[in-house]
Protein backbone atom coordinates (compact mmCIF):
# COMPACT_ATOMS: atom_id res chain seq x y z
CA MET A 1 274.39 88.31 4.59
CA ALA A 2 277.31 89.74 6.27
CA LEU A 3 277.63 92.47 9.35
CA ASN A 4 280.12 95.27 8.79
CA PRO A 5 282.35 93.43 5.84
CA GLN A 6 285.43 94.97 5.35
CA LEU A 7 286.27 98.34 4.12
CA LEU A 8 288.87 100.10 2.29
CA PRO A 9 290.89 102.67 5.16
CA HIS A 10 290.54 105.87 3.41
CA THR A 11 286.57 106.18 1.73
CA PRO A 12 284.01 104.16 2.95
CA MET A 13 283.83 101.60 0.29
CA PRO A 14 283.84 98.02 0.24
CA VAL A 15 287.18 96.00 -0.10
CA PRO A 16 286.53 93.84 -2.89
CA PHE A 17 286.61 89.92 -3.87
CA VAL A 18 288.76 88.45 -6.42
CA ASN A 19 287.14 89.29 -9.92
CA GLU A 20 284.57 91.40 -8.50
CA ILE A 21 283.71 94.30 -10.39
CA PHE A 22 281.82 96.79 -9.19
CA VAL A 23 278.99 98.37 -11.36
CA LEU A 24 277.88 101.57 -9.33
CA ALA A 25 277.40 103.22 -6.18
CA ARG A 26 274.05 104.95 -5.03
CA GLU A 27 274.21 107.53 -2.00
CA GLY A 28 271.10 109.34 -0.02
CA VAL A 29 269.49 106.24 0.14
CA GLU A 30 267.92 104.86 3.60
CA PHE A 31 268.19 101.29 4.43
CA GLU A 32 266.46 99.13 6.75
CA VAL A 33 267.05 95.68 7.81
CA ASP A 34 266.07 93.62 10.68
CA LYS A 35 267.42 91.04 12.99
CA VAL A 36 270.46 93.09 13.59
CA PRO A 37 272.24 92.00 17.15
CA LEU A 38 273.54 96.32 17.93
CA ASP A 39 276.52 95.59 20.54
CA GLY A 40 276.06 92.65 21.38
CA GLY A 41 272.25 92.63 22.32
CA HIS A 42 269.28 90.25 20.40
CA GLY A 43 268.84 90.97 16.99
CA GLY A 44 266.88 94.51 16.01
CA GLU A 45 265.77 96.76 13.43
CA VAL A 46 267.77 99.31 12.11
CA LYS A 47 267.36 101.53 10.13
CA ALA A 48 270.43 103.99 8.83
CA ARG A 49 270.94 106.41 5.36
CA GLY A 50 274.36 106.12 3.41
CA THR A 51 275.83 104.55 0.27
CA VAL A 52 274.91 101.48 -1.61
CA PHE A 53 277.19 99.78 -3.62
CA LEU A 54 276.02 96.89 -6.73
CA SER A 55 278.61 94.57 -8.22
CA ASN A 56 278.44 91.68 -10.15
CA ILE A 57 278.75 89.23 -7.00
CA ARG A 58 276.92 91.54 -3.80
CA MET A 59 274.83 94.17 -2.78
CA VAL A 60 277.05 96.71 -0.33
CA PHE A 61 275.03 99.12 2.31
CA VAL A 62 277.73 101.29 3.63
CA ALA A 63 275.98 104.04 6.46
CA SER A 64 277.02 107.78 6.61
CA LYS A 65 277.22 107.32 10.62
CA PRO A 66 277.19 103.89 12.66
CA VAL A 67 274.16 102.96 14.16
CA GLY A 68 275.40 101.55 17.52
CA GLY A 69 277.37 98.64 16.33
CA PHE A 70 276.37 98.44 12.64
CA VAL A 71 278.35 100.00 9.91
CA ALA A 72 277.68 98.00 6.65
CA PHE A 73 275.31 95.54 5.91
CA ASP A 74 277.02 92.84 2.85
CA MET A 75 274.43 90.84 0.21
CA PRO A 76 275.24 88.18 -1.60
CA LEU A 77 273.34 88.26 -5.06
CA LEU A 78 272.11 84.67 -4.34
CA PHE A 79 271.20 84.78 -0.44
CA VAL A 80 268.52 87.62 -2.12
CA HIS A 81 265.12 86.66 -2.77
CA GLY A 82 261.60 87.46 -3.35
CA GLU A 83 262.89 91.28 -4.50
CA LYS A 84 260.05 93.77 -5.29
CA PHE A 85 260.41 97.40 -6.61
CA ASN A 86 257.60 99.17 -5.30
CA GLN A 87 256.48 102.83 -5.75
CA PRO A 88 254.04 103.37 -3.75
CA ILE A 89 251.55 106.90 -3.92
CA PHE A 90 252.47 108.90 -1.07
CA PHE A 91 256.31 107.52 -0.50
CA CYS A 92 259.35 107.10 -2.19
CA ASN A 93 260.28 104.75 -4.76
CA ASN A 94 261.74 101.48 -2.40
CA ILE A 95 263.32 98.24 -3.22
CA SER A 96 262.89 95.16 -0.67
CA ALA A 97 263.72 91.78 -0.18
CA PHE A 98 264.56 88.92 1.78
CA VAL A 99 268.42 88.43 2.31
CA GLU A 100 269.58 84.64 3.70
CA PRO A 101 271.67 84.94 6.68
CA VAL A 102 275.83 83.66 5.81
CA VAL A 103 275.69 80.52 8.15
CA PRO A 104 279.72 80.19 9.54
CA ASP A 105 280.50 77.02 9.27
CA GLY A 106 280.16 74.61 12.01
CA GLN A 107 276.72 76.44 13.42
CA PRO A 108 272.95 74.91 12.89
CA ARG A 109 270.76 77.35 10.34
CA VAL A 110 267.86 76.76 13.08
CA LEU A 111 269.88 80.05 14.78
CA TYR A 112 270.00 82.23 12.24
CA SER A 113 266.64 83.36 10.78
CA THR A 114 266.14 85.67 7.09
CA HIS A 115 266.52 89.12 6.83
CA THR A 116 263.73 91.46 5.86
CA VAL A 117 265.65 94.13 3.86
CA LYS A 118 264.35 98.06 2.33
CA ILE A 119 266.38 100.62 0.14
CA LEU A 120 264.28 103.66 0.01
CA PHE A 121 265.37 105.98 -2.70
CA LYS A 122 265.45 109.01 -0.54
CA GLU A 123 266.99 111.90 -3.25
CA GLY A 124 266.08 111.29 -7.06
CA GLY A 125 265.18 108.29 -8.90
CA CYS A 126 266.23 104.72 -9.63
CA GLY A 127 266.01 104.19 -13.23
CA THR A 128 269.60 102.98 -13.52
CA PHE A 129 269.75 101.26 -10.81
CA VAL A 130 266.67 99.08 -10.31
CA PRO A 131 267.29 97.78 -13.88
CA LEU A 132 270.79 97.13 -13.46
CA PHE A 133 269.92 95.36 -10.12
CA LEU A 134 267.18 93.21 -11.69
CA ASN A 135 269.02 92.03 -13.82
CA LEU A 136 272.32 91.08 -12.23
CA ILE A 137 270.40 89.10 -9.75
CA ALA A 138 268.80 87.37 -13.23
CA SER A 139 272.85 87.05 -14.47
CA ALA A 140 273.62 85.25 -10.96
CA ARG A 141 270.92 82.88 -11.08
CA GLN A 142 271.31 81.67 -13.97
CA TYR A 143 275.40 80.93 -13.76
CA SER A 144 274.34 79.26 -10.74
CA GLN A 145 271.90 77.05 -11.94
CA PHE A 146 273.56 76.20 -14.92
CA ALA A 147 276.86 75.37 -12.37
CA ALA A 148 274.20 73.61 -10.56
CA ALA A 149 273.08 71.08 -12.97
CA ALA A 150 276.79 70.60 -14.65
CA GLN A 151 278.17 69.67 -10.97
CA ALA A 152 274.72 67.12 -10.52
CA ALA A 153 275.75 65.99 -13.61
CA ASP A 154 279.07 65.38 -12.71
CA ALA A 155 277.98 63.78 -9.50
CA ALA A 156 279.95 66.60 -7.75
CA THR A 157 278.76 67.44 -3.86
CA THR A 158 280.47 71.10 -3.95
CA ARG A 159 277.71 73.59 -3.82
CA VAL A 160 277.59 76.68 -5.94
CA ASP A 161 280.29 79.79 -4.61
CA PRO A 162 278.39 83.28 -4.79
CA LEU A 163 282.29 84.55 -5.57
CA GLN A 164 282.36 82.68 -8.91
CA ALA A 165 279.02 84.08 -10.21
CA SER A 166 281.03 86.83 -11.65
CA ALA A 167 282.34 84.23 -14.60
CA ARG A 168 279.87 86.25 -16.86
CA PRO A 169 281.19 89.44 -17.40
CA VAL A 170 278.92 93.04 -17.15
CA ASP A 171 281.13 94.93 -19.02
CA ASP A 172 278.42 94.47 -21.93
CA MET A 173 275.41 95.19 -19.40
CA MET A 174 276.99 98.33 -18.39
CA ARG A 175 277.89 99.58 -21.53
CA HIS A 176 273.90 99.16 -22.78
CA ALA A 177 272.19 99.90 -19.71
CA TYR A 178 270.06 102.72 -19.68
CA VAL A 179 271.40 106.36 -17.87
CA ASP A 180 268.07 107.65 -16.44
CA PRO A 181 269.22 111.35 -15.72
CA SER A 182 267.32 111.41 -12.67
CA ASP A 183 269.03 109.32 -10.94
CA PRO A 184 272.26 110.21 -9.33
CA SER A 185 273.99 106.55 -9.14
CA LYS A 186 277.46 106.70 -9.93
CA ILE A 187 278.42 103.98 -12.41
CA PHE A 188 282.39 102.90 -12.27
CA LEU A 189 284.34 103.40 -15.15
CA GLN A 190 287.24 102.22 -13.77
CA GLN A 191 287.80 99.86 -10.76
CA PRO A 192 289.36 100.25 -7.52
CA THR A 193 292.99 99.63 -7.99
CA VAL A 194 293.05 97.16 -4.76
CA GLU A 195 294.99 93.66 -4.15
CA SER A 196 292.50 91.69 -2.15
CA GLN A 197 292.82 87.98 -1.63
CA LEU A 198 289.34 88.06 0.00
CA ARG A 199 287.53 84.92 0.46
CA ARG A 200 284.58 83.69 2.49
CA ARG A 201 284.72 79.66 3.32
CA SER A 202 281.14 80.39 4.46
CA TYR A 203 279.88 82.14 1.50
CA HIS A 204 277.85 79.77 0.27
CA PRO A 205 273.98 80.28 -0.74
CA GLN A 206 271.44 79.17 1.92
CA PRO A 207 268.08 77.77 0.96
CA PRO A 208 265.68 79.89 2.20
CA GLU A 209 263.34 78.95 4.78
CA ASN A 210 260.09 79.53 3.40
CA SER A 211 261.67 77.60 -0.35
CA ILE A 212 260.13 74.59 -1.60
């Protein structure tokens, strides 16, 4: 994850990376995340309402109103694990997951804890969002495994960069996606016209603490 990624100046939307393709935006969700430092303090829990943006690279929550120093939360798909779609009887449908932190270069991994996140669909259904989210994560993981195998065969030491998980086109996935009429998600038919050259040198997958 990365706290407060760069947003476009005139709209609450993330600045796209090179080759990033935004798939949809879902407004009216409630987002929960723990272990986030607020106003320079120790890590705490944040609850906020806002919009979730989903791309072929990452998922980004943008708050409607800032909470302390919390404005947005960036979750690369390759950093997400343990994702689960929950349908409780007395509460709204939600997605829960763990998200690994983006560890700055030169910093020890032990200083950064895994985050627990939850996306609650407070307004309408989620039959469009959930399948696309799960399919994009599966696609990113498949690409990562393929690239890792290719690197091992070449005796390469370079780690897989999630920014390159976009190599597999998502156009076909979007064309065949089921559109749930009760889901107010907005599908991107045209990408933002922004000349972006954003790169994150530390945007590499970190092994989950509880991984085998």
